[in-house]
Amino acid sequence: MSDRTLTAAQSAGASAPSRHVDAGDEGYSKDLKSRHINMIAIGGAIGTGLFLGAGGRLAGAGPSLAIAYAVCGVFAFFVVRALGELVLYRPSSGAFVSYAREFMGEKGAYTAGWLYFLNWSTTTVADITAAATYAHFWAMFSDVPQWILALVALSVVLAANLISVRYFGEMEFWFSIIKVAALVAFMLVGIYLVATSHDIGGHTPGLASVTDHGGLFPSGVLPMLLVVQGVVFAYASVELCGVAAGETENPEKIMPKAINSIMWRVGVFYVGSVVLLALLLPYTAYSADQSPFVTVFDKLGIPGTAGIMNLVVLTAALSSLNSGLYSTGRILRSMAVAGSAPKFTAVMNKGKVPYGGVLFTAAFGVAGVGLNYWMPSDAFEIVLNLASVGILGTWAMVMICSLLFWRRSEAGLVTRPGYKLPWAPYTQIVTLVFLVTVLVLMWCDGGVGRTTVMFLPGIAAALVAGWFAVRRRVAALAAEAAPTT
């Protein structure tokens, strides 16, 4: 074979190929339980993109932001459902990198892995930037430079992530509990405020907040379309449960329930929250430099509520950072075992954590600390757009793997599990068209979005150059792994 995977039948000496076994899946513990996976799935659908990013997007697109969240949420569900089908076919901590290796060879795995790393290495910067921004809400931190707060956030989460996967699971479980509880509380309070027309900072909430301020599209349809690339970032972690499936027992029972619940969570938490925000205050009341949830409680004037909500959104940023370090550590190890990532990223500690990959990602976070020093006002938007490119690439690779898996099943080479992506292959094709459309919208947006798209040739060139640098090592490791007859 030309890659770092062997089939189970080949390793047993059989003549007909069977299911692949990825060498990068060895050595992990199976300490994640059902409650961990379920809450990781929830936490992956509720992150920094909603808690912080929704403020600036509401200010730009108005109430129509809810439509953008709904549309992007549907495609995010398609992606995670496609990944879920692959997980049930063959659970792997390497996730889509492992599936790209099986269906596309080592070049596909290499591309998928480094695009995912681009996503999370830049998201790490976004998360520590968000954490520093939230911390400035409190007077005690207002005079502390943003880059110092960003460094502290990175150091604390990095230390916690290196202990064990069980500790990671517990952290994400409680982080998600906090996020969900806060959103539920906000929505209950918001519904009460709208129903009773309770005054909010001199404004009466209700439908007039929309109709008297330009309606659903106060600046036209174009602004809603242009914020789509930022909205995609809000769903960047939905694939995390697929990565975590490799470190849990009985994924066949756990994964379908966790993945299916993502759709209604998107509808309730994302779309529902944005609709409430639009009803509570005019879209002009929100801004990019403050969480919209904090804005609402701040204007209510109830002592302590804004601070509590700010603590919650700080938790969301730290949760996302924790997830990014976790997932890239596993992905980089899968690549390193095959030779397409630095050798040290395959090393595991006594807690069975691939700490080399975790530290490698954290190193890019340190670079983000520098960005917070030089450009504190623009750091979040710059890395958000770069992260969006990585997300689009990752989602595209997932759907391509899903499409190739479907083609192999049609040819009778593999068997699809009972848990299937509906309407294949049309679902994969439509999703890929949507992802290309998002790139076009980024270009049309001008500014940072257009600059990001202009980076694509450079990113492609770096991927090509990197492949030529590692291809001999990849081939040598594949030859070592090839079964002898």
Protein backbone atom coordinates (compact mmCIF):
# COMPACT_ATOMS: atom_id res chain seq x y z
CA MET A 1 0.00 0.00 0.00
CA SER A 2 1.11 3.60 -0.55
CA ASP A 3 0.10 4.94 2.86
CA ARG A 4 0.50 4.30 6.55
CA THR A 5 -2.64 2.19 6.95
CA LEU A 6 -3.01 -1.53 6.82
CA THR A 7 -6.19 -3.47 6.43
CA ALA A 8 -7.23 -5.87 9.13
CA ALA A 9 -7.35 -8.71 6.64
CA GLN A 10 -3.88 -7.99 5.31
CA SER A 11 -2.39 -7.91 8.77
CA ALA A 12 -3.97 -11.30 9.37
CA GLY A 13 -2.63 -12.69 6.13
CA ALA A 14 -5.96 -12.81 4.29
CA SER A 15 -6.09 -12.29 0.54
CA ALA A 16 -9.08 -9.92 0.38
CA PRO A 17 -8.91 -6.41 1.83
CA SER A 18 -11.06 -5.49 4.80
CA ARG A 19 -11.27 -2.55 7.17
CA HIS A 20 -8.23 -0.30 7.59
CA VAL A 21 -6.26 0.00 10.79
CA ASP A 22 -4.45 3.29 11.31
CA ALA A 23 -1.13 3.06 13.16
CA GLY A 24 -1.76 6.49 14.67
CA ASP A 25 -4.69 5.13 16.70
CA GLU A 26 -2.49 2.97 18.92
CA GLY A 27 -1.64 3.93 22.48
CA TYR A 28 -4.70 5.94 23.47
CA SER A 29 -6.85 5.25 26.50
CA LYS A 30 -10.62 4.88 26.18
CA ASP A 31 -11.49 7.12 29.10
CA LEU A 32 -14.12 9.36 27.53
CA LYS A 33 -17.64 8.40 28.59
CA SER A 34 -21.03 9.02 27.03
CA ARG A 35 -21.62 12.16 29.09
CA HIS A 36 -18.26 13.55 27.94
CA ILE A 37 -19.01 12.97 24.25
CA ASN A 38 -22.52 14.42 24.52
CA MET A 39 -21.29 17.57 26.22
CA ILE A 40 -18.29 17.86 23.86
CA ALA A 41 -20.81 17.80 21.00
CA ILE A 42 -22.78 20.58 22.69
CA GLY A 43 -19.67 22.56 23.52
CA GLY A 44 -18.45 22.24 19.94
CA ALA A 45 -21.65 23.91 18.77
CA ILE A 46 -21.42 26.75 21.29
CA GLY A 47 -18.22 28.73 21.27
CA THR A 48 -16.40 32.01 20.90
CA GLY A 49 -17.98 32.68 17.51
CA LEU A 50 -21.38 33.03 19.16
CA PHE A 51 -20.42 34.61 22.47
CA LEU A 52 -18.08 37.26 21.08
CA GLY A 53 -18.42 37.27 17.30
CA ALA A 54 -22.20 37.72 17.23
CA GLY A 55 -21.88 41.28 18.54
CA GLY A 56 -19.99 42.65 15.55
CA ARG A 57 -22.03 40.61 13.07
CA LEU A 58 -25.30 41.87 14.52
CA ALA A 59 -24.02 45.42 14.20
CA GLY A 60 -23.14 44.77 10.56
CA ALA A 61 -25.97 42.58 9.26
CA GLY A 62 -28.77 43.31 11.69
CA PRO A 63 -31.45 40.73 12.61
CA SER A 64 -30.84 38.85 9.34
CA LEU A 65 -27.85 37.33 11.13
CA ALA A 66 -30.29 34.69 12.42
CA ILE A 67 -30.82 33.52 8.82
CA ALA A 68 -27.07 33.26 8.25
CA TYR A 69 -26.70 31.17 11.42
CA ALA A 70 -29.54 28.88 10.34
CA VAL A 71 -28.16 28.29 6.84
CA CYS A 72 -24.59 27.71 8.01
CA GLY A 73 -25.93 25.48 10.78
CA VAL A 74 -27.55 23.16 8.24
CA PHE A 75 -24.27 22.70 6.38
CA ALA A 76 -22.37 22.27 9.65
CA PHE A 77 -24.78 19.47 10.49
CA PHE A 78 -24.18 17.84 7.10
CA VAL A 79 -20.44 17.91 7.76
CA VAL A 80 -20.63 16.40 11.22
CA ARG A 81 -23.21 13.84 10.05
CA ALA A 82 -20.86 12.79 7.23
CA LEU A 83 -18.02 12.52 9.74
CA GLY A 84 -20.29 10.55 12.05
CA GLU A 85 -20.93 7.97 9.34
CA LEU A 86 -17.20 7.57 8.84
CA VAL A 87 -16.65 7.29 12.60
CA LEU A 88 -19.17 4.47 12.85
CA TYR A 89 -17.49 2.79 9.90
CA ARG A 90 -14.11 3.03 11.66
CA PRO A 91 -13.52 5.08 14.86
CA SER A 92 -10.17 6.88 14.76
CA SER A 93 -8.44 9.55 16.83
CA GLY A 94 -6.97 10.74 13.54
CA ALA A 95 -10.56 11.37 12.38
CA PHE A 96 -10.79 12.83 8.87
CA VAL A 97 -6.99 12.68 8.45
CA SER A 98 -7.18 8.93 8.91
CA TYR A 99 -10.13 8.71 6.49
CA ALA A 100 -8.32 10.89 3.96
CA ARG A 101 -5.38 8.47 4.24
CA GLU A 102 -7.66 5.53 3.54
CA PHE A 103 -9.61 7.03 0.63
CA MET A 104 -7.16 9.56 -0.83
CA GLY A 105 -3.72 8.30 0.15
CA GLU A 106 -1.01 10.11 2.08
CA LYS A 107 -1.28 13.30 0.02
CA GLY A 108 -4.90 13.61 1.05
CA ALA A 109 -4.08 12.93 4.72
CA TYR A 110 -1.24 15.45 4.61
CA THR A 111 -3.50 18.15 3.10
CA ALA A 112 -6.40 17.46 5.48
CA GLY A 113 -4.14 17.50 8.51
CA TRP A 114 -2.33 20.73 7.80
CA LEU A 115 -5.52 22.54 6.82
CA TYR A 116 -6.98 21.44 10.14
CA PHE A 117 -3.86 22.67 11.89
CA LEU A 118 -4.23 26.02 10.10
CA ASN A 119 -7.77 26.15 11.47
CA TRP A 120 -6.91 25.45 15.09
CA SER A 121 -3.53 27.19 15.30
CA THR A 122 -5.24 30.42 14.24
CA THR A 123 -8.33 29.67 16.33
CA THR A 124 -6.01 29.33 19.32
CA VAL A 125 -4.96 32.91 18.70
CA ALA A 126 -8.61 33.96 18.37
CA ASP A 127 -9.46 32.24 21.64
CA ILE A 128 -6.69 33.78 23.71
CA THR A 129 -7.53 37.16 22.13
CA ALA A 130 -11.17 36.70 23.11
CA ALA A 131 -10.17 35.66 26.64
CA ALA A 132 -8.02 38.78 27.02
CA THR A 133 -10.85 40.94 25.65
CA TYR A 134 -13.32 39.47 28.14
CA ALA A 135 -10.90 39.94 31.03
CA HIS A 136 -10.67 43.67 30.27
CA PHE A 137 -14.35 43.91 31.25
CA TRP A 138 -13.33 43.85 34.91
CA ALA A 139 -11.67 46.94 36.34
CA MET A 140 -8.90 44.93 38.01
CA PHE A 141 -7.66 43.83 34.57
CA SER A 142 -8.40 46.98 32.60
CA ASP A 143 -4.83 48.28 32.88
CA VAL A 144 -3.19 44.92 32.16
CA PRO A 145 -1.88 44.76 28.57
CA GLN A 146 -3.93 42.48 26.32
CA TRP A 147 -0.92 40.38 25.37
CA ILE A 148 -0.17 39.52 29.02
CA LEU A 149 -3.75 38.33 29.59
CA ALA A 150 -3.55 36.28 26.39
CA LEU A 151 -0.33 34.63 27.58
CA VAL A 152 -1.84 33.77 30.96
CA ALA A 153 -4.90 32.19 29.30
CA LEU A 154 -2.72 30.08 27.02
CA SER A 155 -0.45 28.93 29.87
CA VAL A 156 -3.31 27.85 32.15
CA VAL A 157 -5.19 25.86 29.51
CA LEU A 158 -2.01 24.29 28.13
CA ALA A 159 -1.03 23.00 31.57
CA ALA A 160 -4.49 21.49 32.10
CA ASN A 161 -4.58 19.89 28.63
CA LEU A 162 -1.36 17.95 29.15
CA ILE A 163 -2.58 15.89 32.13
CA SER A 164 -4.83 13.21 30.58
CA VAL A 165 -7.78 12.73 28.24
CA ARG A 166 -10.04 12.04 31.24
CA TYR A 167 -9.14 15.44 32.66
CA PHE A 168 -9.80 17.04 29.29
CA GLY A 169 -13.19 15.32 29.16
CA GLU A 170 -14.11 16.51 32.64
CA MET A 171 -13.07 20.06 31.83
CA GLU A 172 -15.11 20.10 28.64
CA PHE A 173 -18.07 18.52 30.42
CA TRP A 174 -18.21 21.31 33.00
CA PHE A 175 -17.32 24.03 30.52
CA SER A 176 -20.25 22.90 28.38
CA ILE A 177 -22.56 22.72 31.38
CA ILE A 178 -21.70 26.34 32.18
CA LYS A 179 -22.22 27.49 28.58
CA VAL A 180 -25.54 25.71 28.16
CA ALA A 181 -26.83 26.83 31.55
CA ALA A 182 -25.88 30.43 30.78
CA LEU A 183 -27.56 30.40 27.38
CA VAL A 184 -30.71 28.80 28.80
CA ALA A 185 -30.76 31.42 31.57
CA PHE A 186 -30.24 34.22 29.05
CA MET A 187 -33.03 32.93 26.83
CA LEU A 188 -35.45 32.61 29.74
CA VAL A 189 -34.63 36.14 30.90
CA GLY A 190 -34.82 37.42 27.33
CA ILE A 191 -38.22 35.85 26.72
CA TYR A 192 -39.46 37.37 29.98
CA LEU A 193 -38.14 40.82 29.04
CA VAL A 194 -39.78 40.68 25.61
CA ALA A 195 -43.07 39.30 26.94
CA THR A 196 -43.32 41.98 29.63
CA SER A 197 -41.85 44.82 27.53
CA HIS A 198 -39.40 45.46 30.35
CA ASP A 199 -37.23 48.54 29.89
CA ILE A 200 -33.62 47.85 28.89
CA GLY A 201 -31.44 50.91 29.17
CA GLY A 202 -34.21 53.23 28.02
CA HIS A 203 -35.39 50.90 25.24
CA THR A 204 -38.58 48.83 25.18
CA PRO A 205 -37.88 45.34 23.76
CA GLY A 206 -40.17 43.72 21.24
CA LEU A 207 -40.77 43.46 17.52
CA ALA A 208 -40.33 47.23 17.23
CA SER A 209 -36.62 46.68 17.88
CA VAL A 210 -36.55 45.17 14.40
CA THR A 211 -39.32 46.98 12.49
CA ASP A 212 -38.41 50.50 13.68
CA HIS A 213 -34.73 50.08 12.87
CA GLY A 214 -34.64 49.02 9.25
CA GLY A 215 -36.39 45.66 9.49
CA LEU A 216 -34.82 42.25 8.93
CA PHE A 217 -32.28 43.59 6.43
CA PRO A 218 -31.50 47.12 7.67
CA SER A 219 -28.56 47.51 5.29
CA GLY A 220 -29.77 45.18 2.56
CA VAL A 221 -29.20 41.48 1.88
CA LEU A 222 -25.52 41.83 0.96
CA PRO A 223 -24.24 42.42 4.53
CA MET A 224 -25.94 39.20 5.65
CA LEU A 225 -24.20 37.29 2.86
CA LEU A 226 -20.87 38.87 3.68
CA VAL A 227 -20.93 37.80 7.34
CA VAL A 228 -21.34 34.16 6.36
CA GLN A 229 -17.57 33.52 6.49
CA GLY A 230 -17.52 34.71 10.09
CA VAL A 231 -20.59 32.64 10.92
CA VAL A 232 -18.83 29.53 9.58
CA PHE A 233 -16.15 30.19 12.20
CA ALA A 234 -18.84 29.94 14.90
CA TYR A 235 -19.37 26.29 13.99
CA ALA A 236 -15.66 25.46 13.81
CA SER A 237 -15.71 22.90 16.63
CA VAL A 238 -18.62 20.70 15.55
CA GLU A 239 -16.17 18.08 14.25
CA LEU A 240 -14.56 17.70 17.67
CA CYS A 241 -16.82 14.86 18.76
CA GLY A 242 -15.57 12.88 15.74
CA VAL A 243 -11.98 13.27 16.93
CA ALA A 244 -12.92 12.35 20.49
CA ALA A 245 -14.67 9.18 19.30
CA GLY A 246 -11.28 7.45 19.04
CA GLU A 247 -10.86 7.69 22.81
CA THR A 248 -14.23 6.39 23.91
CA GLU A 249 -15.75 2.95 24.27
CA ASN A 250 -18.85 1.96 22.29
CA PRO A 251 -18.84 4.88 19.83
CA GLU A 252 -21.54 3.03 17.86
CA LYS A 253 -24.00 3.76 20.67
CA ILE A 254 -22.76 7.18 21.70
CA MET A 255 -22.03 9.03 18.46
CA PRO A 256 -25.42 8.95 16.64
CA LYS A 257 -27.24 10.45 19.61
CA ALA A 258 -24.59 13.13 20.15
CA ILE A 259 -24.46 14.11 16.46
CA ASN A 260 -28.22 14.14 15.89
CA SER A 261 -28.68 16.48 18.83
CA ILE A 262 -26.44 19.10 17.20
CA MET A 263 -29.18 20.18 14.77
CA TRP A 264 -31.74 21.22 17.36
CA ARG A 265 -29.04 22.75 19.53
CA VAL A 266 -28.05 24.95 16.61
CA GLY A 267 -31.67 25.99 16.16
CA VAL A 268 -32.26 26.75 19.82
CA PHE A 269 -28.96 28.22 20.94
CA TYR A 270 -27.68 30.01 17.85
CA VAL A 271 -30.76 31.06 15.93
CA GLY A 272 -32.89 31.47 19.06
CA SER A 273 -30.25 33.57 20.83
CA VAL A 274 -29.75 35.89 17.84
CA VAL A 275 -33.50 36.36 17.43
CA LEU A 276 -33.80 37.29 21.11
CA LEU A 277 -30.84 39.66 20.90
CA ALA A 278 -32.49 41.40 17.93
CA LEU A 279 -35.77 41.74 19.83
CA LEU A 280 -34.17 42.99 23.04
CA LEU A 281 -32.16 45.87 21.58
CA PRO A 282 -31.73 47.55 18.18
CA TYR A 283 -28.88 46.02 16.20
CA THR A 284 -27.01 49.34 16.48
CA ALA A 285 -26.63 48.79 20.24
CA TYR A 286 -24.20 45.92 19.69
CA SER A 287 -20.52 46.13 18.84
CA ALA A 288 -17.58 43.91 17.96
CA ASP A 289 -15.62 44.73 21.12
CA GLN A 290 -18.17 43.35 23.60
CA SER A 291 -20.19 40.16 23.86
CA PRO A 292 -23.83 40.94 22.91
CA PHE A 293 -25.01 38.98 25.94
CA VAL A 294 -22.91 41.19 28.20
CA THR A 295 -24.31 44.25 26.39
CA VAL A 296 -27.88 43.25 27.27
CA PHE A 297 -27.17 42.60 30.95
CA ASP A 298 -25.01 45.69 31.17
CA LYS A 299 -27.88 47.87 29.95
CA LEU A 300 -30.29 46.16 32.35
CA GLY A 301 -28.25 47.65 35.16
CA ILE A 302 -28.71 44.70 37.51
CA PRO A 303 -25.59 44.57 39.71
CA GLY A 304 -23.31 41.64 38.97
CA THR A 305 -25.24 40.10 36.05
CA ALA A 306 -22.99 41.52 33.35
CA GLY A 307 -19.94 40.29 35.23
CA ILE A 308 -21.40 36.81 35.57
CA MET A 309 -22.21 36.66 31.88
CA ASN A 310 -18.74 37.89 31.04
CA LEU A 311 -17.30 35.08 33.15
CA VAL A 312 -19.39 32.62 31.14
CA VAL A 313 -18.15 33.87 27.80
CA LEU A 314 -14.60 33.78 29.16
CA THR A 315 -15.25 30.12 29.98
CA ALA A 316 -16.39 29.58 26.38
CA ALA A 317 -13.13 31.00 25.05
CA LEU A 318 -11.05 28.81 27.37
CA SER A 319 -13.16 25.79 26.41
CA SER A 320 -12.52 26.40 22.72
CA LEU A 321 -8.81 26.81 23.38
CA ASN A 322 -8.77 23.57 25.35
CA SER A 323 -10.57 21.75 22.51
CA GLY A 324 -8.19 23.09 19.90
CA LEU A 325 -5.10 21.92 21.77
CA TYR A 326 -6.73 18.52 22.31
CA SER A 327 -7.79 17.90 18.71
CA THR A 328 -4.64 19.15 17.00
CA GLY A 329 -2.56 16.98 19.30
CA ARG A 330 -4.39 13.88 18.03
CA ILE A 331 -4.38 14.95 14.39
CA LEU A 332 -0.68 15.81 14.41
CA ARG A 333 0.16 12.45 15.98
CA SER A 334 -1.74 10.63 13.23
CA MET A 335 0.28 12.58 10.68
CA ALA A 336 3.60 12.20 12.50
CA VAL A 337 3.27 8.42 12.62
CA ALA A 338 2.90 8.53 8.83
CA GLY A 339 5.83 10.93 8.44
CA SER A 340 3.94 14.03 7.32
CA ALA A 341 4.34 15.99 10.57
CA PRO A 342 7.39 16.57 12.81
CA LYS A 343 8.47 13.38 14.55
CA PHE A 344 8.23 14.86 18.06
CA THR A 345 4.48 15.47 17.66
CA ALA A 346 3.94 11.69 17.85
CA VAL A 347 5.40 11.45 21.37
CA MET A 348 2.98 10.63 24.19
CA ASN A 349 3.36 11.15 27.94
CA LYS A 350 2.42 8.84 30.80
CA GLY A 351 -1.14 10.15 30.68
CA LYS A 352 -1.36 8.93 27.05
CA VAL A 353 -1.56 12.51 25.80
CA PRO A 354 0.33 13.34 22.55
CA TYR A 355 2.02 16.26 24.24
CA GLY A 356 4.37 16.98 21.35
CA GLY A 357 1.48 17.98 19.10
CA VAL A 358 -0.21 19.93 21.89
CA LEU A 359 2.96 21.93 22.52
CA PHE A 360 3.44 22.51 18.80
CA THR A 361 0.01 24.12 18.55
CA ALA A 362 0.61 26.11 21.72
CA ALA A 363 3.76 27.53 20.12
CA PHE A 364 1.59 29.18 17.50
CA GLY A 365 -0.52 30.55 20.32
CA VAL A 366 2.62 32.25 21.61
CA ALA A 367 2.92 33.88 18.18
CA GLY A 368 -0.65 35.05 18.74
CA VAL A 369 0.45 36.68 21.95
CA GLY A 370 2.82 38.74 19.80
CA LEU A 371 -0.05 39.66 17.50
CA ASN A 372 -1.99 40.86 20.53
CA TYR A 373 1.00 43.02 21.43
CA TRP A 374 1.41 44.63 18.02
CA MET A 375 -2.21 44.78 16.81
CA PRO A 376 -4.55 44.35 19.82
CA SER A 377 -7.55 45.93 18.07
CA ASP A 378 -7.34 43.84 14.88
CA ALA A 379 -5.99 40.51 16.19
CA PHE A 380 -9.36 38.78 16.51
CA GLU A 381 -10.65 39.60 13.01
CA ILE A 382 -7.34 38.78 11.30
CA VAL A 383 -7.04 35.30 12.78
CA LEU A 384 -10.79 34.68 12.47
CA ASN A 385 -10.55 35.00 8.69
CA LEU A 386 -7.45 32.79 8.49
CA ALA A 387 -9.20 30.24 10.69
CA SER A 388 -12.17 30.34 8.32
CA VAL A 389 -9.90 29.24 5.45
CA GLY A 390 -8.74 26.29 7.55
CA ILE A 391 -12.31 25.43 8.49
CA LEU A 392 -13.48 25.54 4.88
CA GLY A 393 -10.60 23.29 3.87
CA THR A 394 -11.27 20.85 6.69
CA TRP A 395 -14.99 20.65 5.96
CA ALA A 396 -14.25 20.19 2.26
CA MET A 397 -11.90 17.29 3.03
CA VAL A 398 -14.53 15.66 5.26
CA MET A 399 -17.13 15.86 2.49
CA ILE A 400 -14.69 14.61 -0.16
CA CYS A 401 -13.83 11.63 2.06
CA SER A 402 -17.55 11.03 2.57
CA LEU A 403 -18.14 11.18 -1.18
CA LEU A 404 -15.30 8.74 -1.90
CA PHE A 405 -16.60 6.45 0.86
CA TRP A 406 -20.04 6.52 -0.78
CA ARG A 407 -18.50 5.67 -4.17
CA ARG A 408 -16.63 2.71 -2.68
CA SER A 409 -19.80 1.48 -1.04
CA GLU A 410 -21.60 1.68 -4.37
CA ALA A 411 -18.81 -0.42 -5.86
CA GLY A 412 -19.21 -2.98 -3.09
CA LEU A 413 -15.75 -2.37 -1.62
CA VAL A 414 -16.98 -1.14 1.78
CA THR A 415 -20.21 -1.35 3.72
CA ARG A 416 -21.89 1.80 4.96
CA PRO A 417 -23.08 1.68 8.59
CA GLY A 418 -26.74 1.98 9.47
CA TYR A 419 -26.12 5.58 10.51
CA LYS A 420 -25.82 7.31 7.12
CA LEU A 421 -25.50 10.81 5.75
CA PRO A 422 -28.90 11.38 4.12
CA TRP A 423 -29.34 12.11 0.41
CA ALA A 424 -25.81 11.11 -0.57
CA PRO A 425 -24.09 11.97 -2.87
CA TYR A 426 -26.11 15.18 -3.40
CA THR A 427 -25.54 16.34 0.18
CA GLN A 428 -21.77 16.22 -0.25
CA ILE A 429 -21.88 18.03 -3.60
CA VAL A 430 -24.19 20.81 -2.37
CA THR A 431 -22.04 21.31 0.72
CA LEU A 432 -18.87 21.58 -1.37
CA VAL A 433 -20.59 24.19 -3.58
CA PHE A 434 -21.57 26.11 -0.44
CA LEU A 435 -17.97 26.11 0.80
CA VAL A 436 -16.72 27.51 -2.50
CA THR A 437 -19.45 30.16 -2.31
CA VAL A 438 -18.18 31.23 1.11
CA LEU A 439 -14.73 31.83 -0.39
CA VAL A 440 -16.33 33.99 -3.10
CA LEU A 441 -18.17 35.97 -0.42
CA MET A 442 -14.93 36.50 1.47
CA TRP A 443 -13.44 38.01 -1.67
CA CYS A 444 -16.48 40.20 -2.26
CA ASP A 445 -16.33 41.47 1.32
CA GLY A 446 -13.06 43.24 0.62
CA GLY A 447 -10.74 44.29 3.45
CA VAL A 448 -9.42 41.48 5.65
CA GLY A 449 -11.65 38.90 3.90
CA ARG A 450 -10.20 39.65 0.47
CA THR A 451 -6.68 39.71 1.87
CA THR A 452 -7.31 36.28 3.38
CA VAL A 453 -8.41 34.86 0.02
CA MET A 454 -5.29 36.36 -1.53
CA PHE A 455 -3.29 34.22 0.90
CA LEU A 456 -4.69 31.04 -0.70
CA PRO A 457 -1.99 30.73 -3.40
CA GLY A 458 0.64 31.13 -0.68
CA ILE A 459 -1.05 28.49 1.50
CA ALA A 460 -1.24 26.13 -1.49
CA ALA A 461 2.43 26.76 -2.31
CA ALA A 462 3.41 26.06 1.31
CA LEU A 463 1.46 22.79 1.24
CA VAL A 464 3.15 21.72 -2.00
CA ALA A 465 6.61 22.64 -0.71
CA GLY A 466 5.92 20.84 2.56
CA TRP A 467 4.84 17.70 0.74
CA PHE A 468 8.05 17.59 -1.30
CA ALA A 469 9.97 17.98 1.95
CA VAL A 470 8.30 15.00 3.67
CA ARG A 471 7.35 12.67 0.83
CA ARG A 472 10.50 10.52 1.08
CA ARG A 473 10.00 9.99 4.80
CA VAL A 474 6.33 9.18 4.20
CA ALA A 475 7.27 6.63 1.53
CA ALA A 476 9.94 5.08 3.77
CA LEU A 477 7.53 4.67 6.70
CA ALA A 478 4.87 3.25 4.39
CA ALA A 479 7.38 0.70 3.12
CA GLU A 480 8.24 -0.31 6.70
CA ALA A 481 4.57 -0.74 7.52
CA ALA A 482 3.79 -2.77 4.40
CA PRO A 483 2.95 -6.39 5.27
CA THR A 484 5.43 -9.05 4.25
CA THR A 485 4.20 -12.13 2.45
